Protein backbone atom coordinates (compact mmCIF):
# COMPACT_ATOMS: atom_id res chain seq x y z
CA MET A 1 -9.58 8.10 8.30
CA ARG A 2 -9.64 11.97 7.33
CA GLN A 3 -5.71 11.86 7.83
CA LEU A 4 -5.07 8.95 5.46
CA GLN A 5 -7.55 10.75 3.04
CA LYS A 6 -5.49 13.56 3.01
CA LEU A 7 -2.31 11.73 1.98
CA GLY A 8 -3.73 11.00 -1.17
CA PRO A 9 -4.93 7.81 -3.03
CA LEU A 10 -4.92 4.70 -0.55
CA GLU A 11 -3.11 2.83 -3.53
CA GLY A 12 -0.22 5.23 -3.85
CA LEU A 13 -0.14 5.08 0.46
CA LEU A 14 0.06 0.76 -0.02
CA LYS A 15 3.02 0.94 -2.36
CA LEU A 16 5.05 2.69 -0.14
CA ILE A 17 4.94 0.04 2.51
CA PRO A 18 7.87 -2.36 2.06
CA GLY A 19 7.29 -5.86 1.26
CA VAL A 20 3.59 -5.49 -0.19
CA ASN A 21 2.99 -7.56 -3.05
CA HIS A 22 2.62 -5.01 -6.19
CA LYS A 23 0.36 -7.98 -8.13
CA LEU A 24 -1.86 -7.76 -5.00
CA LEU A 25 -2.11 -3.78 -5.22
CA GLN A 26 -3.08 -3.98 -8.76
CA GLN A 27 -6.16 -5.68 -7.58
CA VAL A 28 -6.97 -3.40 -5.22
CA LYS A 29 -9.52 -0.76 -5.33
CA VAL A 30 -10.45 1.39 -3.11
CA ASP A 31 -13.63 3.51 -3.95
CA PRO A 32 -13.66 6.87 -2.49
CA ARG A 33 -17.43 7.17 -1.81
CA ARG A 34 -16.90 3.93 0.56
CA MET A 35 -14.45 5.63 2.65
CA LYS A 36 -16.83 8.17 2.75
CA HIS A 37 -19.66 5.79 3.91
CA MET A 38 -17.31 3.64 6.94
CA GLU A 39 -16.62 7.54 7.97
CA ALA A 40 -20.20 8.86 8.72
CA ILE A 41 -20.97 5.08 10.11
CA ILE A 42 -17.71 5.45 12.50
CA LEU A 43 -18.71 9.03 13.22
CA SER A 44 -22.01 8.11 14.20
CA MET A 45 -20.95 5.67 17.02
CA THR A 46 -20.43 6.90 20.42
CA PRO A 47 -16.88 7.08 21.97
CA GLN A 48 -17.46 4.17 23.90
CA GLU A 49 -19.23 2.01 20.93
CA ARG A 50 -15.70 2.84 19.07
CA ARG A 51 -13.61 1.37 22.20
CA ARG A 52 -15.68 -1.38 22.46
CA PRO A 53 -17.55 -2.49 18.98
CA GLU A 54 -18.67 -5.96 21.18
CA ILE A 55 -21.29 -3.66 22.77
CA LEU A 56 -23.07 -2.89 19.67
CA ASN A 57 -26.12 -4.60 19.79
CA GLY A 58 -29.36 -4.30 17.29
CA SER A 59 -30.86 -1.34 18.64
CA ARG A 60 -27.33 0.39 18.69
CA ARG A 61 -26.61 -0.94 15.14
CA ALA A 62 -30.07 0.65 13.97
CA ARG A 63 -29.26 3.79 15.53
CA ILE A 64 -25.67 4.06 13.75
CA ALA A 65 -27.37 3.11 10.49
CA ARG A 66 -30.12 5.77 11.21
CA GLY A 67 -27.34 8.62 12.10
CA SER A 68 -24.90 7.94 9.09
CA GLY A 69 -28.12 7.24 6.57
CA ARG A 70 -26.45 4.01 5.73
CA PRO A 71 -28.58 0.40 5.77
CA VAL A 72 -27.84 -1.45 8.76
CA GLN A 73 -26.51 -4.73 6.88
CA GLU A 74 -23.63 -2.06 5.77
CA VAL A 75 -23.18 -1.35 9.73
CA ASN A 76 -22.62 -4.85 10.31
CA ARG A 77 -20.73 -5.10 7.37
CA LEU A 78 -18.25 -3.17 8.84
CA LEU A 79 -18.05 -4.82 11.70
CA GLU A 80 -17.24 -8.14 10.36
CA GLN A 81 -14.32 -6.92 8.72
CA PHE A 82 -13.10 -4.62 11.41
CA ARG A 83 -12.92 -8.38 13.45
CA GLN A 84 -11.75 -9.91 10.48
CA MET A 85 -8.84 -7.49 10.57
CA GLN A 86 -8.22 -7.52 14.28
CA LYS A 87 -7.70 -11.21 13.97
CA LEU A 88 -5.20 -11.21 11.12
CA MET A 89 -3.12 -8.60 13.16
CA LYS A 90 -3.51 -11.11 16.43
CA GLN A 91 -2.04 -13.50 13.80
CA MET A 92 0.64 -11.34 12.27
CA ARG A 93 1.49 -9.92 15.78
CA GLY A 94 2.53 -13.65 16.82
CA LEU A 95 4.33 -14.44 13.77
CA ARG A 96 6.82 -11.45 14.46
CA ALA A 97 7.19 -12.04 18.16
CA GLY A 98 7.90 -15.61 17.37
CA GLY A 99 10.07 -15.24 14.92
CA GLY A 100 8.12 -17.17 12.65
CA ARG A 101 7.39 -16.79 8.50
CA LEU A 102 4.18 -15.18 7.33
CA PRO A 103 1.95 -17.50 6.08
CA PHE A 104 1.09 -15.69 2.42
CA PRO A 105 4.39 -13.55 0.37
CA LEU A 106 4.47 -10.22 0.55
CA ALA A 107 6.77 -9.50 -1.93
């Protein structure tokens, strides 16, 4: 995450990706404070928890929330977003391997 932040605003980086719909980019607004919150949550995890987020039970989530200074709900939201992103990446990997078309237009 720190390396991404050093590259500049995320919106600018997304413009560099070929095939990305520029109309969708106009709707994407990344809040730098939210990125800092996400970083704090991730840094509050142990290396094992980062590798295997499915092991995060309620007490671990509460510890992460305390360590990051964020509410447990925000930790849960980040974990859910991560799961959704994993699912999307698996779908895209399957489409690429199968030579199929993407279910949504990128350009």
